[in-house]
Amino acid sequence: MAEGTAGKPGETVKEPSGRQVALVKSAVPLDTKQRAMILERLRTRFGAQVEGQFEMDPTLLGGVQARIGDQLIDDTVACKLEVLRDVLIKSGEAE
């Protein structure tokens, strides 16, 4: 993140130059190749001006979560389990 643009932890910042900073969380540390692959996909979706801020969050259980601007891409095990739980609850209500 460029000097003078630091925000609160977890806050996604749009830099004055038009660059966007994506907060990327994973359950385990990501190596350089994994980080590059994630940034490449984010840049394809949001534009070439995306930079990454990487954090580890073991509560995600697995997978990756990326927040850029007001958009959240949640491909984590925790999210998938929550969706599954909701589906099971709704299917039980339908009976």
Protein backbone atom coordinates (compact mmCIF):
# COMPACT_ATOMS: atom_id res chain seq x y z
CA MET A 1 0.00 0.00 0.00
CA ALA A 2 1.36 3.40 -0.88
CA GLU A 3 2.41 5.76 1.88
CA GLY A 4 -0.39 7.90 3.25
CA THR A 5 -3.16 5.52 2.19
CA ALA A 6 -3.24 3.18 5.15
CA GLY A 7 -6.71 2.53 6.44
CA LYS A 8 -8.20 0.49 9.22
CA PRO A 9 -7.38 -3.23 9.25
CA GLY A 10 -9.60 -4.98 6.73
CA GLU A 11 -10.44 -1.75 4.90
CA THR A 12 -10.02 -1.76 1.14
CA VAL A 13 -8.45 1.44 -0.10
CA LYS A 14 -8.66 3.02 -3.53
CA GLU A 15 -5.38 4.77 -4.10
CA PRO A 16 -5.25 8.29 -5.57
CA SER A 17 -3.59 6.83 -8.68
CA GLY A 18 -6.68 4.71 -9.37
CA ARG A 19 -5.13 1.52 -8.06
CA GLN A 20 -7.35 -0.66 -5.93
CA VAL A 21 -6.09 -2.67 -2.98
CA ALA A 22 -7.67 -6.07 -2.45
CA LEU A 23 -7.64 -7.62 1.00
CA VAL A 24 -7.01 -11.32 0.43
CA LYS A 25 -7.44 -13.72 3.33
CA SER A 26 -6.50 -17.39 3.42
CA ALA A 27 -6.51 -20.09 6.08
CA VAL A 28 -2.84 -20.88 5.46
CA PRO A 29 0.12 -18.82 4.26
CA LEU A 30 0.25 -18.41 0.48
CA ASP A 31 3.48 -18.73 -1.44
CA THR A 32 4.61 -16.29 -4.11
CA LYS A 33 3.17 -18.34 -6.96
CA GLN A 34 -0.25 -18.62 -5.28
CA ARG A 35 -0.32 -14.88 -4.55
CA ALA A 36 0.57 -14.09 -8.16
CA MET A 37 -2.20 -16.38 -9.45
CA ILE A 38 -4.79 -14.73 -7.19
CA LEU A 39 -3.69 -11.23 -8.21
CA GLU A 40 -3.80 -12.21 -11.88
CA ARG A 41 -7.42 -13.36 -11.52
CA LEU A 42 -8.39 -10.24 -9.59
CA ARG A 43 -6.75 -8.03 -12.21
CA THR A 44 -8.63 -9.85 -14.96
CA ARG A 45 -11.92 -9.23 -13.18
CA PHE A 46 -11.34 -5.71 -11.79
CA GLY A 47 -8.65 -4.22 -14.00
CA ALA A 48 -4.88 -4.14 -14.13
CA GLN A 49 -4.60 -1.63 -11.27
CA VAL A 50 -5.21 -4.15 -8.42
CA GLU A 51 -2.67 -4.64 -5.66
CA GLY A 52 -2.96 -7.26 -2.94
CA GLN A 53 -2.76 -7.12 0.82
CA PHE A 54 -2.52 -10.70 2.12
CA GLU A 55 -3.56 -11.92 5.56
CA MET A 56 -3.91 -15.31 7.19
CA ASP A 57 -7.20 -16.20 8.93
CA PRO A 58 -7.40 -19.80 10.19
CA THR A 59 -11.15 -19.43 10.87
CA LEU A 60 -11.72 -19.68 7.09
CA LEU A 61 -10.77 -23.40 7.33
CA GLY A 62 -9.53 -23.42 3.73
CA GLY A 63 -9.82 -21.53 0.47
CA VAL A 64 -9.50 -17.81 -0.16
CA GLN A 65 -11.58 -14.71 0.45
CA ALA A 66 -10.91 -11.47 -1.44
CA ARG A 67 -12.52 -8.08 -0.76
CA ILE A 68 -12.05 -5.27 -3.22
CA GLY A 69 -14.13 -2.16 -2.92
CA ASP A 70 -17.58 -3.23 -1.80
CA GLN A 71 -17.32 -6.63 -3.49
CA LEU A 72 -16.51 -9.85 -1.69
CA ILE A 73 -15.38 -13.02 -3.41
CA ASP A 74 -15.71 -15.81 -0.86
CA ASP A 75 -14.37 -19.18 -1.97
CA THR A 76 -13.68 -20.48 1.52
CA VAL A 77 -14.63 -23.75 3.18
CA ALA A 78 -16.38 -21.77 5.93
CA CYS A 79 -18.60 -20.05 3.35
CA LYS A 80 -19.41 -23.30 1.55
CA LEU A 81 -20.33 -24.97 4.85
CA GLU A 82 -22.61 -22.05 5.70
CA VAL A 83 -24.35 -22.31 2.32
CA LEU A 84 -24.77 -26.08 2.78
CA ARG A 85 -26.21 -25.54 6.26
CA ASP A 86 -28.73 -23.03 4.90
CA VAL A 87 -29.78 -25.42 2.12
CA LEU A 88 -30.26 -28.26 4.59
CA ILE A 89 -32.30 -26.07 6.93
CA LYS A 90 -34.53 -24.88 4.07
CA SER A 91 -35.02 -28.40 2.72
CA GLY A 92 -36.03 -29.55 6.21
CA GLU A 93 -38.61 -26.75 6.39
CA ALA A 94 -40.13 -27.83 3.08
CA GLU A 95 -41.02 -31.29 4.38
